[in-house]
C-alpha atoms as a PDB file:
ATOM      1  CA  UNK A   1      72.085   0.667 -41.617  1.00  0.00           C
ATOM      2  CA  UNK A   2      68.719  -0.564 -42.893  1.00  0.00           C
ATOM      3  CA  UNK A   3      65.353   1.082 -42.938  1.00  0.00           C
ATOM      4  CA  UNK A   4      62.361  -0.433 -43.956  1.00  0.00           C
ATOM      5  CA  UNK A   5      59.312   1.198 -45.240  1.00  0.00           C
ATOM      6  CA  UNK A   6      55.867   0.305 -46.177  1.00  0.00           C
ATOM      7  CA  UNK A   7      54.741   2.268 -49.465  1.00  0.00           C
ATOM      8  CA  UNK A   8      51.382   2.580 -50.350  1.00  0.00           C
ATOM      9  CA  UNK A   9      50.342   1.631 -53.636  1.00  0.00           C
ATOM     10  CA  UNK A  10      48.339   4.206 -55.434  1.00  0.00           C
ATOM     11  CA  UNK A  11      45.482   2.569 -57.665  1.00  0.00           C
ATOM     12  CA  UNK A  12      41.780   2.672 -58.421  1.00  0.00           C
ATOM     13  CA  UNK A  13      39.411  -0.103 -56.779  1.00  0.00           C
ATOM     14  CA  UNK A  14      38.394  -1.523 -60.413  1.00  0.00           C
ATOM     15  CA  UNK A  15      42.278  -2.225 -61.369  1.00  0.00           C
ATOM     16  CA  UNK A  16      44.564  -5.108 -60.936  1.00  0.00           C
ATOM     17  CA  UNK A  17      48.183  -5.248 -60.009  1.00  0.00           C
ATOM     18  CA  UNK A  18      51.103  -7.401 -60.860  1.00  0.00           C
ATOM     19  CA  UNK A  19      54.453  -6.565 -58.928  1.00  0.00           C
ATOM     20  CA  UNK A  20      57.323  -8.545 -59.501  1.00  0.00           C
ATOM     21  CA  UNK A  21      61.337  -8.815 -59.990  1.00  0.00           C
ATOM     22  CA  UNK A  22      63.058  -9.198 -63.099  1.00  0.00           C
ATOM     23  CA  UNK A  23      66.491  -9.037 -64.240  1.00  0.00           C
ATOM     24  CA  UNK A  24      67.235  -7.236 -68.302  1.00  0.00           C
ATOM     25  CA  UNK A  25      66.242  -4.347 -70.261  1.00  0.00           C
ATOM     26  CA  UNK A  26      63.790  -5.891 -72.445  1.00  0.00           C
ATOM     27  CA  UNK A  27      61.310  -6.664 -69.243  1.00  0.00           C
ATOM     28  CA  UNK A  28      58.947  -3.958 -70.248  1.00  0.00           C
ATOM     29  CA  UNK A  29      58.535  -4.994 -74.120  1.00  0.00           C
ATOM     30  CA  UNK A  30      58.296  -8.965 -73.075  1.00  0.00           C
ATOM     31  CA  UNK A  31      55.757  -7.987 -70.299  1.00  0.00           C
ATOM     32  CA  UNK A  32      53.927  -5.629 -72.939  1.00  0.00           C
ATOM     33  CA  UNK A  33      53.677  -8.623 -75.360  1.00  0.00           C
ATOM     34  CA  UNK A  34      52.607 -11.248 -72.619  1.00  0.00           C
ATOM     35  CA  UNK A  35      49.771  -8.774 -71.555  1.00  0.00           C
ATOM     36  CA  UNK A  36      48.643  -7.937 -75.301  1.00  0.00           C
ATOM     37  CA  UNK A  37      48.811 -11.600 -75.770  1.00  0.00           C
ATOM     38  CA  UNK A  38      46.809 -12.938 -72.837  1.00  0.00           C
ATOM     39  CA  UNK A  39      43.356 -11.102 -73.178  1.00  0.00           C
ATOM     40  CA  UNK A  40      41.657  -8.984 -75.780  1.00  0.00           C
ATOM     41  CA  UNK A  41      40.777  -5.768 -75.294  1.00  0.00           C
ATOM     42  CA  UNK A  42      43.225  -5.432 -71.860  1.00  0.00           C
ATOM     43  CA  UNK A  43      44.035  -2.128 -70.947  1.00  0.00           C
ATOM     44  CA  UNK A  44      47.748  -1.841 -68.860  1.00  0.00           C
ATOM     45  CA  UNK A  45      50.601   0.396 -67.934  1.00  0.00           C
ATOM     46  CA  UNK A  46      53.799  -0.993 -66.775  1.00  0.00           C
ATOM     47  CA  UNK A  47      56.962   0.488 -64.956  1.00  0.00           C
ATOM     48  CA  UNK A  48      60.204  -1.217 -64.494  1.00  0.00           C
ATOM     49  CA  UNK A  49      63.436   0.144 -62.321  1.00  0.00           C
ATOM     50  CA  UNK A  50      66.522  -0.927 -64.122  1.00  0.00           C
ATOM     51  CA  UNK A  51      69.171  -1.813 -61.438  1.00  0.00           C
ATOM     52  CA  UNK A  52      72.472  -0.960 -63.426  1.00  0.00           C
ATOM     53  CA  UNK A  53      73.787   0.589 -66.559  1.00  0.00           C
ATOM     54  CA  UNK A  54      71.286   3.909 -66.874  1.00  0.00           C
ATOM     55  CA  UNK A  55      69.300   2.716 -63.849  1.00  0.00           C
ATOM     56  CA  UNK A  56      66.705   4.591 -65.848  1.00  0.00           C
ATOM     57  CA  UNK A  57      62.685   4.003 -64.581  1.00  0.00           C
ATOM     58  CA  UNK A  58      61.406   2.489 -67.804  1.00  0.00           C
ATOM     59  CA  UNK A  59      57.760   2.292 -68.876  1.00  0.00           C
ATOM     60  CA  UNK A  60      55.136   1.505 -71.498  1.00  0.00           C
ATOM     61  CA  UNK A  61      51.344   0.182 -71.843  1.00  0.00           C
ATOM     62  CA  UNK A  62      48.442   0.513 -74.139  1.00  0.00           C
ATOM     63  CA  UNK A  63      46.669   2.960 -72.005  1.00  0.00           C
ATOM     64  CA  UNK A  64      48.530   6.307 -71.035  1.00  0.00           C
ATOM     65  CA  UNK A  65      46.481   6.885 -67.775  1.00  0.00           C
ATOM     66  CA  UNK A  66      47.574   3.567 -66.234  1.00  0.00           C
ATOM     67  CA  UNK A  67      51.175   3.662 -67.535  1.00  0.00           C
ATOM     68  CA  UNK A  68      50.905   6.864 -65.537  1.00  0.00           C
ATOM     69  CA  UNK A  69      49.841   5.809 -62.074  1.00  0.00           C
ATOM     70  CA  UNK A  70      52.426   2.563 -63.050  1.00  0.00           C
ATOM     71  CA  UNK A  71      55.488   5.036 -63.147  1.00  0.00           C
ATOM     72  CA  UNK A  72      54.233   7.278 -59.992  1.00  0.00           C
ATOM     73  CA  UNK A  73      54.207   3.945 -58.115  1.00  0.00           C
ATOM     74  CA  UNK A  74      57.218   2.888 -59.170  1.00  0.00           C
ATOM     75  CA  UNK A  75      58.847   6.280 -58.493  1.00  0.00           C
ATOM     76  CA  UNK A  76      57.846   5.719 -54.738  1.00  0.00           C
ATOM     77  CA  UNK A  77      59.051   1.753 -54.866  1.00  0.00           C
ATOM     78  CA  UNK A  78      62.023   2.525 -56.776  1.00  0.00           C
ATOM     79  CA  UNK A  79      63.664  -1.026 -56.125  1.00  0.00           C
ATOM     80  CA  UNK A  80      66.091  -2.003 -58.946  1.00  0.00           C
ATOM     81  CA  UNK A  81      64.847  -4.602 -61.018  1.00  0.00           C
ATOM     82  CA  UNK A  82      61.421  -4.327 -59.761  1.00  0.00           C
ATOM     83  CA  UNK A  83      58.260  -3.635 -62.150  1.00  0.00           C
ATOM     84  CA  UNK A  84      54.468  -3.286 -61.776  1.00  0.00           C
ATOM     85  CA  UNK A  85      51.838  -3.899 -64.154  1.00  0.00           C
ATOM     86  CA  UNK A  86      48.595  -2.184 -63.733  1.00  0.00           C
ATOM     87  CA  UNK A  87      45.307  -3.282 -65.895  1.00  0.00           C
ATOM     88  CA  UNK A  88      41.695  -3.335 -66.661  1.00  0.00           C
ATOM     89  CA  UNK A  89      39.586  -5.681 -68.480  1.00  0.00           C
ATOM     90  CA  UNK A  90      41.285  -9.113 -67.294  1.00  0.00           C
ATOM     91  CA  UNK A  91      41.742 -11.022 -64.225  1.00  0.00           C
ATOM     92  CA  UNK A  92      45.347 -11.528 -63.362  1.00  0.00           C
ATOM     93  CA  UNK A  93      44.396 -15.141 -63.692  1.00  0.00           C
ATOM     94  CA  UNK A  94      44.170 -14.225 -67.283  1.00  0.00           C
ATOM     95  CA  UNK A  95      47.719 -12.598 -67.403  1.00  0.00           C
ATOM     96  CA  UNK A  96      49.832 -14.176 -64.875  1.00  0.00           C
ATOM     97  CA  UNK A  97      50.994 -17.284 -66.679  1.00  0.00           C
ATOM     98  CA  UNK A  98      51.756 -15.346 -69.642  1.00  0.00           C
ATOM     99  CA  UNK A  99      54.125 -12.970 -67.238  1.00  0.00           C
ATOM    100  CA  UNK A 100      55.633 -15.673 -65.555  1.00  0.00           C
ATOM    101  CA  UNK A 101      56.771 -17.686 -68.807  1.00  0.00           C
ATOM    102  CA  UNK A 102      58.753 -14.125 -69.621  1.00  0.00           C
ATOM    103  CA  UNK A 103      62.356 -15.358 -69.494  1.00  0.00           C
ATOM    104  CA  UNK A 104      63.792 -12.711 -67.537  1.00  0.00           C
ATOM    105  CA  UNK A 105      61.254 -12.872 -64.888  1.00  0.00           C
ATOM    106  CA  UNK A 106      62.606 -14.035 -61.367  1.00  0.00           C
ATOM    107  CA  UNK A 107      59.729 -13.238 -58.969  1.00  0.00           C
ATOM    108  CA  UNK A 108      56.089 -12.309 -58.794  1.00  0.00           C
ATOM    109  CA  UNK A 109      55.056 -10.760 -55.433  1.00  0.00           C
ATOM    110  CA  UNK A 110      51.529 -10.406 -55.971  1.00  0.00           C
ATOM    111  CA  UNK A 111      48.747 -10.517 -58.950  1.00  0.00           C
ATOM    112  CA  UNK A 112      44.974  -8.920 -56.957  1.00  0.00           C
ATOM    113  CA  UNK A 113      42.983  -5.998 -57.262  1.00  0.00           C
ATOM    114  CA  UNK A 114      43.116  -5.540 -53.372  1.00  0.00           C
ATOM    115  CA  UNK A 115      44.754  -2.730 -51.693  1.00  0.00           C
ATOM    116  CA  UNK A 116      48.611  -3.290 -51.496  1.00  0.00           C
ATOM    117  CA  UNK A 117      51.509  -1.810 -49.648  1.00  0.00           C
ATOM    118  CA  UNK A 118      54.857  -2.728 -50.636  1.00  0.00           C
ATOM    119  CA  UNK A 119      57.302  -3.606 -47.871  1.00  0.00           C
ATOM    120  CA  UNK A 120      60.886  -2.213 -49.139  1.00  0.00           C
ATOM    121  CA  UNK A 121      64.361  -1.942 -47.103  1.00  0.00           C
ATOM    122  CA  UNK A 122      66.748   0.756 -47.744  1.00  0.00           C
ATOM    123  CA  UNK A 123      70.299  -0.876 -47.337  1.00  0.00           C
ATOM    124  CA  UNK A 124      72.957   1.773 -47.700  1.00  0.00           C
ATOM    125  CA  UNK A 125      70.991   3.427 -50.441  1.00  0.00           C
ATOM    126  CA  UNK A 126      69.877   0.511 -52.348  1.00  0.00           C
ATOM    127  CA  UNK A 127      66.555  -0.635 -52.594  1.00  0.00           C
ATOM    128  CA  UNK A 128      64.847  -4.256 -52.577  1.00  0.00           C
ATOM    129  CA  UNK A 129      61.183  -5.419 -52.063  1.00  0.00           C
ATOM    130  CA  UNK A 130      60.886  -7.703 -49.333  1.00  0.00           C
ATOM    131  CA  UNK A 131      57.649  -8.375 -49.135  1.00  0.00           C
ATOM    132  CA  UNK A 132      53.994  -7.286 -50.052  1.00  0.00           C
ATOM    133  CA  UNK A 133      50.402  -6.646 -47.593  1.00  0.00           C
ATOM    134  CA  UNK A 134      47.743  -7.632 -49.819  1.00  0.00           C
ATOM    135  CA  UNK A 135      44.192  -7.011 -48.536  1.00  0.00           C
ATOM    136  CA  UNK A 136      42.937  -7.858 -45.441  1.00  0.00           C
ATOM    137  CA  UNK A 137      43.017 -10.506 -42.749  1.00  0.00           C
ATOM    138  CA  UNK A 138      40.237 -12.755 -42.501  1.00  0.00           C
ATOM    139  CA  UNK A 139      37.213 -12.329 -40.591  1.00  0.00           C
ATOM    140  CA  UNK A 140      35.788 -15.635 -40.052  1.00  0.00           C
ATOM    141  CA  UNK A 141      35.589 -19.685 -41.286  1.00  0.00           C
ATOM    142  CA  UNK A 142      33.732 -20.463 -44.804  1.00  0.00           C
ATOM    143  CA  UNK A 143      30.410 -21.921 -43.877  1.00  0.00           C
ATOM    144  CA  UNK A 144      28.727 -24.589 -46.221  1.00  0.00           C
ATOM    145  CA  UNK A 145      26.826 -21.413 -47.942  1.00  0.00           C
ATOM    146  CA  UNK A 146      30.075 -19.533 -48.597  1.00  0.00           C
ATOM    147  CA  UNK A 147      31.224 -22.561 -50.180  1.00  0.00           C
ATOM    148  CA  UNK A 148      28.228 -23.072 -52.406  1.00  0.00           C
ATOM    149  CA  UNK A 149      27.978 -19.398 -53.306  1.00  0.00           C
ATOM    150  CA  UNK A 150      32.133 -19.942 -54.061  1.00  0.00           C
ATOM    151  CA  UNK A 151      31.134 -22.638 -56.446  1.00  0.00           C
ATOM    152  CA  UNK A 152      28.226 -21.063 -57.925  1.00  0.00           C
ATOM    153  CA  UNK A 153      29.961 -17.993 -58.726  1.00  0.00           C
ATOM    154  CA  UNK A 154      33.358 -19.616 -60.361  1.00  0.00           C
ATOM    155  CA  UNK A 155      30.845 -21.567 -62.941  1.00  0.00           C
ATOM    156  CA  UNK A 156      28.746 -18.384 -63.555  1.00  0.00           C
ATOM    157  CA  UNK A 157      31.967 -16.484 -64.700  1.00  0.00           C
ATOM    158  CA  UNK A 158      33.158 -19.718 -66.279  1.00  0.00           C
ATOM    159  CA  UNK A 159      36.135 -20.379 -64.673  1.00  0.00           C
ATOM    160  CA  UNK A 160      35.065 -24.052 -63.869  1.00  0.00           C
ATOM    161  CA  UNK A 161      32.713 -26.161 -65.318  1.00  0.00           C
END
């Protein structure tokens, strides 16, 4: 029998999150290195669920509170080979490529600061992430003023010339 759950992810509004799928015990250490090599002064916590062997929930980070929250969220998700990174002082655009370059990373489900829900399937006691609910739906079309504001904002924060 298959059961589908929707799991709320706990995090503060100013915290970014990346959720993904990986395949090896060294994931936590490799993601740690990817984070510290991406942005000076980044604060982060990582949690990773092993799918075989000891099947432990492994964690690391350079911010104890973010690591505790990452672990708490992964205890709820508990899907084998999934990982979660919570971070501050950086944006997903700063960190994502570094994490994607980790050899054992096979999938990224989301990279955002939005409210997140994880859609998980339970198949006879084995759990897997089947999707992410990321933020809210559109409430309208972008106007010319919105386009101008987007254009100006990206240049103000240094992401476009």
